[in-house]
């Protein structure tokens, strides 16, 4: 039997770890956000909720968006365990499409009625740096607050895109905690063709 450890419980003696600082952020009231920049003239954009997304589709998005930033937590879940989270009626997966292709994903966990969390947010590598982050996040924040929580939270770490933390703060999130530690290093699965 193996013991599961928190990602931050790894020590420097572990072979495959990366040092990180995780920043926890919160909005305690719905922010008054400026309108999302009008990007529709530059490219065709669509934001859609994937209702009860198939596990393979979720894993595709999670890997595509998260691999450059060492997202590993959902990779460890079995298909059944992952399905029980992402197909819950109070978990919302939104996919940003640009020109018909997936350009980003956002997952809002609203299972706690008072505190909702943006669990994952990011753009695909092909669409990073093209002005879509603020556009997408503005809509995600509005969607999360439309469920009337008392607070909205998210976290970021030093492995995420360098523009992530400043963007979150510009859109009304305040830092509530910081913790340093080690996380497991992402190892690409080369068996997937």
C-alpha atoms as a PDB file:
ATOM      1  CA  UNK A   1       0.000   0.000   0.000  1.00  0.00           C
ATOM      2  CA  UNK A   2       1.350   3.425  -0.930  1.00  0.00           C
ATOM      3  CA  UNK A   3       0.724   6.586   0.991  1.00  0.00           C
ATOM      4  CA  UNK A   4      -0.470   9.618  -0.939  1.00  0.00           C
ATOM      5  CA  UNK A   5       1.363  12.802  -0.148  1.00  0.00           C
ATOM      6  CA  UNK A   6       0.321  16.357  -0.739  1.00  0.00           C
ATOM      7  CA  UNK A   7       2.214  17.882  -3.700  1.00  0.00           C
ATOM      8  CA  UNK A   8       3.935  20.241  -1.270  1.00  0.00           C
ATOM      9  CA  UNK A   9       5.056  17.429   1.026  1.00  0.00           C
ATOM     10  CA  UNK A  10       7.886  16.322  -1.227  1.00  0.00           C
ATOM     11  CA  UNK A  11      11.357  17.058   0.083  1.00  0.00           C
ATOM     12  CA  UNK A  12      14.543  18.078  -1.752  1.00  0.00           C
ATOM     13  CA  UNK A  13      15.779  14.509  -1.318  1.00  0.00           C
ATOM     14  CA  UNK A  14      13.064  13.238  -3.699  1.00  0.00           C
ATOM     15  CA  UNK A  15      14.508  12.645  -7.169  1.00  0.00           C
ATOM     16  CA  UNK A  16      11.817  14.190  -9.329  1.00  0.00           C
ATOM     17  CA  UNK A  17      10.685  17.428  -7.727  1.00  0.00           C
ATOM     18  CA  UNK A  18      10.624  21.120  -8.501  1.00  0.00           C
ATOM     19  CA  UNK A  19      10.720  23.933  -5.958  1.00  0.00           C
ATOM     20  CA  UNK A  20       7.661  26.201  -6.151  1.00  0.00           C
ATOM     21  CA  UNK A  21       5.932  28.999  -4.367  1.00  0.00           C
ATOM     22  CA  UNK A  22       2.147  28.766  -4.502  1.00  0.00           C
ATOM     23  CA  UNK A  23       0.152  31.979  -4.210  1.00  0.00           C
ATOM     24  CA  UNK A  24      -3.462  31.720  -3.043  1.00  0.00           C
ATOM     25  CA  UNK A  25      -5.806  34.488  -4.185  1.00  0.00           C
ATOM     26  CA  UNK A  26      -9.370  35.505  -3.443  1.00  0.00           C
ATOM     27  CA  UNK A  27     -12.149  37.875  -4.411  1.00  0.00           C
ATOM     28  CA  UNK A  28     -14.542  38.548  -1.534  1.00  0.00           C
ATOM     29  CA  UNK A  29     -17.002  40.491  -3.693  1.00  0.00           C
ATOM     30  CA  UNK A  30     -17.924  40.483  -7.345  1.00  0.00           C
ATOM     31  CA  UNK A  31     -15.491  42.890  -9.027  1.00  0.00           C
ATOM     32  CA  UNK A  32     -16.520  45.683 -11.356  1.00  0.00           C
ATOM     33  CA  UNK A  33     -14.520  44.557 -14.357  1.00  0.00           C
ATOM     34  CA  UNK A  34     -13.955  46.570 -17.484  1.00  0.00           C
ATOM     35  CA  UNK A  35     -15.489  44.891 -20.507  1.00  0.00           C
ATOM     36  CA  UNK A  36     -13.388  42.131 -22.024  1.00  0.00           C
ATOM     37  CA  UNK A  37     -11.405  43.511 -24.957  1.00  0.00           C
ATOM     38  CA  UNK A  38     -13.198  43.005 -28.273  1.00  0.00           C
ATOM     39  CA  UNK A  39     -11.084  40.365 -29.973  1.00  0.00           C
ATOM     40  CA  UNK A  40     -13.808  39.079 -32.273  1.00  0.00           C
ATOM     41  CA  UNK A  41     -12.643  41.251 -35.148  1.00  0.00           C
ATOM     42  CA  UNK A  42      -9.207  39.618 -35.074  1.00  0.00           C
ATOM     43  CA  UNK A  43     -10.359  36.018 -34.749  1.00  0.00           C
ATOM     44  CA  UNK A  44     -13.588  34.089 -34.338  1.00  0.00           C
ATOM     45  CA  UNK A  45     -13.996  33.277 -30.639  1.00  0.00           C
ATOM     46  CA  UNK A  46     -16.473  31.086 -28.791  1.00  0.00           C
ATOM     47  CA  UNK A  47     -16.702  30.181 -25.124  1.00  0.00           C
ATOM     48  CA  UNK A  48     -18.617  26.990 -24.457  1.00  0.00           C
ATOM     49  CA  UNK A  49     -19.340  24.881 -21.419  1.00  0.00           C
ATOM     50  CA  UNK A  50     -18.433  21.220 -21.871  1.00  0.00           C
ATOM     51  CA  UNK A  51     -21.271  19.528 -19.990  1.00  0.00           C
ATOM     52  CA  UNK A  52     -20.275  16.207 -18.446  1.00  0.00           C
ATOM     53  CA  UNK A  53     -17.097  16.178 -20.548  1.00  0.00           C
ATOM     54  CA  UNK A  54     -15.683  12.795 -21.547  1.00  0.00           C
ATOM     55  CA  UNK A  55     -12.544  11.956 -19.586  1.00  0.00           C
ATOM     56  CA  UNK A  56     -10.430  11.660 -22.758  1.00  0.00           C
ATOM     57  CA  UNK A  57     -11.437  15.183 -23.842  1.00  0.00           C
ATOM     58  CA  UNK A  58     -10.673  16.624 -20.412  1.00  0.00           C
ATOM     59  CA  UNK A  59      -7.280  14.865 -20.319  1.00  0.00           C
ATOM     60  CA  UNK A  60      -6.496  16.211 -23.798  1.00  0.00           C
ATOM     61  CA  UNK A  61      -7.208  19.809 -22.709  1.00  0.00           C
ATOM     62  CA  UNK A  62      -5.497  19.409 -19.344  1.00  0.00           C
ATOM     63  CA  UNK A  63      -2.337  18.063 -20.967  1.00  0.00           C
ATOM     64  CA  UNK A  64      -2.367  20.586 -23.810  1.00  0.00           C
ATOM     65  CA  UNK A  65      -2.809  23.585 -21.517  1.00  0.00           C
ATOM     66  CA  UNK A  66      -1.009  22.317 -18.438  1.00  0.00           C
ATOM     67  CA  UNK A  67       2.056  20.401 -19.619  1.00  0.00           C
ATOM     68  CA  UNK A  68       4.185  23.542 -20.138  1.00  0.00           C
ATOM     69  CA  UNK A  69       3.414  24.550 -16.528  1.00  0.00           C
ATOM     70  CA  UNK A  70       3.882  21.167 -14.875  1.00  0.00           C
ATOM     71  CA  UNK A  71       0.206  20.480 -14.100  1.00  0.00           C
ATOM     72  CA  UNK A  72       0.244  16.995 -12.574  1.00  0.00           C
ATOM     73  CA  UNK A  73      -2.561  16.616 -10.021  1.00  0.00           C
ATOM     74  CA  UNK A  74      -5.294  15.432 -12.395  1.00  0.00           C
ATOM     75  CA  UNK A  75      -2.926  13.159 -14.303  1.00  0.00           C
ATOM     76  CA  UNK A  76      -2.717  10.939 -11.214  1.00  0.00           C
ATOM     77  CA  UNK A  77      -6.462  10.334 -10.988  1.00  0.00           C
ATOM     78  CA  UNK A  78      -8.014   7.177 -12.414  1.00  0.00           C
ATOM     79  CA  UNK A  79     -10.583   7.700 -15.156  1.00  0.00           C
ATOM     80  CA  UNK A  80     -13.383   6.897 -12.685  1.00  0.00           C
ATOM     81  CA  UNK A  81     -12.072   9.323 -10.052  1.00  0.00           C
ATOM     82  CA  UNK A  82     -11.550  12.062 -12.629  1.00  0.00           C
ATOM     83  CA  UNK A  83     -15.038  11.525 -14.094  1.00  0.00           C
ATOM     84  CA  UNK A  84     -16.586  11.844 -10.632  1.00  0.00           C
ATOM     85  CA  UNK A  85     -15.062  15.326 -10.339  1.00  0.00           C
ATOM     86  CA  UNK A  86     -15.415  16.790 -13.827  1.00  0.00           C
ATOM     87  CA  UNK A  87     -18.889  15.385 -14.461  1.00  0.00           C
ATOM     88  CA  UNK A  88     -20.307  16.650 -11.166  1.00  0.00           C
ATOM     89  CA  UNK A  89     -23.223  19.023 -11.785  1.00  0.00           C
ATOM     90  CA  UNK A  90     -21.456  21.738  -9.762  1.00  0.00           C
ATOM     91  CA  UNK A  91     -18.154  21.577 -11.648  1.00  0.00           C
ATOM     92  CA  UNK A  92     -18.040  23.703 -14.787  1.00  0.00           C
ATOM     93  CA  UNK A  93     -15.539  23.184 -17.585  1.00  0.00           C
ATOM     94  CA  UNK A  94     -15.389  26.039 -20.063  1.00  0.00           C
ATOM     95  CA  UNK A  95     -13.459  25.798 -23.298  1.00  0.00           C
ATOM     96  CA  UNK A  96     -12.354  28.834 -25.269  1.00  0.00           C
ATOM     97  CA  UNK A  97     -12.274  28.214 -29.014  1.00  0.00           C
ATOM     98  CA  UNK A  98     -10.446  30.442 -31.486  1.00  0.00           C
ATOM     99  CA  UNK A  99     -11.102  29.835 -35.149  1.00  0.00           C
ATOM    100  CA  UNK A 100     -12.749  26.545 -34.177  1.00  0.00           C
ATOM    101  CA  UNK A 101      -9.712  25.164 -32.307  1.00  0.00           C
ATOM    102  CA  UNK A 102      -9.411  24.802 -28.520  1.00  0.00           C
ATOM    103  CA  UNK A 103      -7.521  27.845 -27.254  1.00  0.00           C
ATOM    104  CA  UNK A 104      -7.944  27.467 -23.487  1.00  0.00           C
ATOM    105  CA  UNK A 105      -9.735  25.840 -20.591  1.00  0.00           C
ATOM    106  CA  UNK A 106     -11.155  26.975 -17.268  1.00  0.00           C
ATOM    107  CA  UNK A 107     -12.611  24.795 -14.550  1.00  0.00           C
ATOM    108  CA  UNK A 108     -14.859  26.291 -11.864  1.00  0.00           C
ATOM    109  CA  UNK A 109     -15.554  24.137  -8.820  1.00  0.00           C
ATOM    110  CA  UNK A 110     -18.838  25.320  -7.281  1.00  0.00           C
ATOM    111  CA  UNK A 111     -19.453  22.301  -5.052  1.00  0.00           C
ATOM    112  CA  UNK A 112     -18.925  24.503  -1.997  1.00  0.00           C
ATOM    113  CA  UNK A 113     -21.875  26.900  -2.340  1.00  0.00           C
ATOM    114  CA  UNK A 114     -20.158  29.736  -0.469  1.00  0.00           C
ATOM    115  CA  UNK A 115     -16.629  29.551  -1.902  1.00  0.00           C
ATOM    116  CA  UNK A 116     -16.175  28.777  -5.575  1.00  0.00           C
ATOM    117  CA  UNK A 117     -12.734  28.011  -6.989  1.00  0.00           C
ATOM    118  CA  UNK A 118     -11.197  28.476 -10.393  1.00  0.00           C
ATOM    119  CA  UNK A 119      -9.325  25.177 -10.209  1.00  0.00           C
ATOM    120  CA  UNK A 120      -7.593  25.384 -13.576  1.00  0.00           C
ATOM    121  CA  UNK A 121      -7.240  28.214 -16.047  1.00  0.00           C
ATOM    122  CA  UNK A 122      -4.948  28.564 -19.012  1.00  0.00           C
ATOM    123  CA  UNK A 123      -4.421  28.910 -22.719  1.00  0.00           C
ATOM    124  CA  UNK A 124      -3.015  26.405 -25.168  1.00  0.00           C
ATOM    125  CA  UNK A 125       0.559  27.075 -26.350  1.00  0.00           C
ATOM    126  CA  UNK A 126      -0.581  28.174 -29.825  1.00  0.00           C
ATOM    127  CA  UNK A 127      -2.765  30.917 -28.347  1.00  0.00           C
ATOM    128  CA  UNK A 128      -0.586  32.147 -25.484  1.00  0.00           C
ATOM    129  CA  UNK A 129       0.621  35.728 -25.898  1.00  0.00           C
ATOM    130  CA  UNK A 130      -2.150  36.735 -28.290  1.00  0.00           C
ATOM    131  CA  UNK A 131      -4.254  38.822 -25.900  1.00  0.00           C
ATOM    132  CA  UNK A 132      -6.742  36.095 -25.020  1.00  0.00           C
ATOM    133  CA  UNK A 133      -5.908  35.692 -21.312  1.00  0.00           C
ATOM    134  CA  UNK A 134      -7.688  38.799 -20.061  1.00  0.00           C
ATOM    135  CA  UNK A 135     -10.592  38.240 -22.437  1.00  0.00           C
ATOM    136  CA  UNK A 136     -11.087  34.647 -21.283  1.00  0.00           C
ATOM    137  CA  UNK A 137     -10.533  35.268 -17.569  1.00  0.00           C
ATOM    138  CA  UNK A 138     -12.953  38.213 -17.500  1.00  0.00           C
ATOM    139  CA  UNK A 139     -15.682  35.909 -18.794  1.00  0.00           C
ATOM    140  CA  UNK A 140     -14.712  33.097 -16.401  1.00  0.00           C
ATOM    141  CA  UNK A 141     -14.904  35.447 -13.414  1.00  0.00           C
ATOM    142  CA  UNK A 142     -18.349  36.633 -14.504  1.00  0.00           C
ATOM    143  CA  UNK A 143     -19.517  33.031 -14.955  1.00  0.00           C
ATOM    144  CA  UNK A 144     -18.244  32.058 -11.499  1.00  0.00           C
ATOM    145  CA  UNK A 145     -19.920  35.024  -9.774  1.00  0.00           C
ATOM    146  CA  UNK A 146     -23.194  34.365 -11.622  1.00  0.00           C
ATOM    147  CA  UNK A 147     -23.671  31.412  -9.234  1.00  0.00           C
ATOM    148  CA  UNK A 148     -23.657  33.901  -6.285  1.00  0.00           C
ATOM    149  CA  UNK A 149     -20.857  32.574  -4.072  1.00  0.00           C
ATOM    150  CA  UNK A 150     -19.592  34.569  -1.106  1.00  0.00           C
ATOM    151  CA  UNK A 151     -16.001  34.299  -2.358  1.00  0.00           C
ATOM    152  CA  UNK A 152     -14.080  33.244  -5.443  1.00  0.00           C
ATOM    153  CA  UNK A 153     -10.628  31.726  -5.071  1.00  0.00           C
ATOM    154  CA  UNK A 154      -7.809  30.522  -7.254  1.00  0.00           C
ATOM    155  CA  UNK A 155      -4.151  29.683  -6.917  1.00  0.00           C
ATOM    156  CA  UNK A 156      -1.097  30.078  -9.063  1.00  0.00           C
ATOM    157  CA  UNK A 157       2.507  29.095  -8.651  1.00  0.00           C
ATOM    158  CA  UNK A 158       5.948  30.072  -9.850  1.00  0.00           C
ATOM    159  CA  UNK A 159       5.730  27.425 -12.595  1.00  0.00           C
ATOM    160  CA  UNK A 160       2.732  29.133 -14.229  1.00  0.00           C
ATOM    161  CA  UNK A 161       3.023  31.716 -16.996  1.00  0.00           C
ATOM    162  CA  UNK A 162       4.749  34.849 -15.629  1.00  0.00           C
ATOM    163  CA  UNK A 163       1.753  36.982 -16.655  1.00  0.00           C
ATOM    164  CA  UNK A 164      -0.703  34.894 -14.601  1.00  0.00           C
ATOM    165  CA  UNK A 165      -0.307  36.465 -11.152  1.00  0.00           C
ATOM    166  CA  UNK A 166      -0.314  40.091 -12.396  1.00  0.00           C
ATOM    167  CA  UNK A 167      -3.418  39.355 -14.509  1.00  0.00           C
ATOM    168  CA  UNK A 168      -5.271  37.823 -11.557  1.00  0.00           C
ATOM    169  CA  UNK A 169      -4.451  40.852  -9.440  1.00  0.00           C
ATOM    170  CA  UNK A 170      -5.490  43.327 -12.169  1.00  0.00           C
ATOM    171  CA  UNK A 171      -8.848  41.557 -12.353  1.00  0.00           C
ATOM    172  CA  UNK A 172      -9.545  41.943  -8.649  1.00  0.00           C
ATOM    173  CA  UNK A 173      -7.950  38.988  -6.854  1.00  0.00           C
ATOM    174  CA  UNK A 174      -6.011  39.661  -3.643  1.00  0.00           C
ATOM    175  CA  UNK A 175      -3.251  37.475  -2.229  1.00  0.00           C
ATOM    176  CA  UNK A 176      -4.404  35.660   0.929  1.00  0.00           C
ATOM    177  CA  UNK A 177      -1.488  33.248   1.443  1.00  0.00           C
ATOM    178  CA  UNK A 178       1.814  32.008   0.010  1.00  0.00           C
ATOM    179  CA  UNK A 179       3.537  28.694   0.613  1.00  0.00           C
ATOM    180  CA  UNK A 180       6.785  27.249  -0.663  1.00  0.00           C
ATOM    181  CA  UNK A 181       7.656  23.633  -1.169  1.00  0.00           C
ATOM    182  CA  UNK A 182       8.224  21.027  -3.829  1.00  0.00           C
ATOM    183  CA  UNK A 183       5.945  19.466  -6.420  1.00  0.00           C
ATOM    184  CA  UNK A 184       6.376  16.375  -8.502  1.00  0.00           C
ATOM    185  CA  UNK A 185       7.952  16.958 -11.912  1.00  0.00           C
ATOM    186  CA  UNK A 186       5.678  16.255 -14.894  1.00  0.00           C
ATOM    187  CA  UNK A 187       6.863  13.293 -16.933  1.00  0.00           C
ATOM    188  CA  UNK A 188       5.327  13.190 -20.421  1.00  0.00           C
ATOM    189  CA  UNK A 189       3.569   9.946 -21.241  1.00  0.00           C
ATOM    190  CA  UNK A 190       5.304   8.803 -24.413  1.00  0.00           C
ATOM    191  CA  UNK A 191       3.022   5.781 -24.750  1.00  0.00           C
ATOM    192  CA  UNK A 192       0.190   7.900 -26.203  1.00  0.00           C
ATOM    193  CA  UNK A 193       1.509   7.915 -29.739  1.00  0.00           C
END
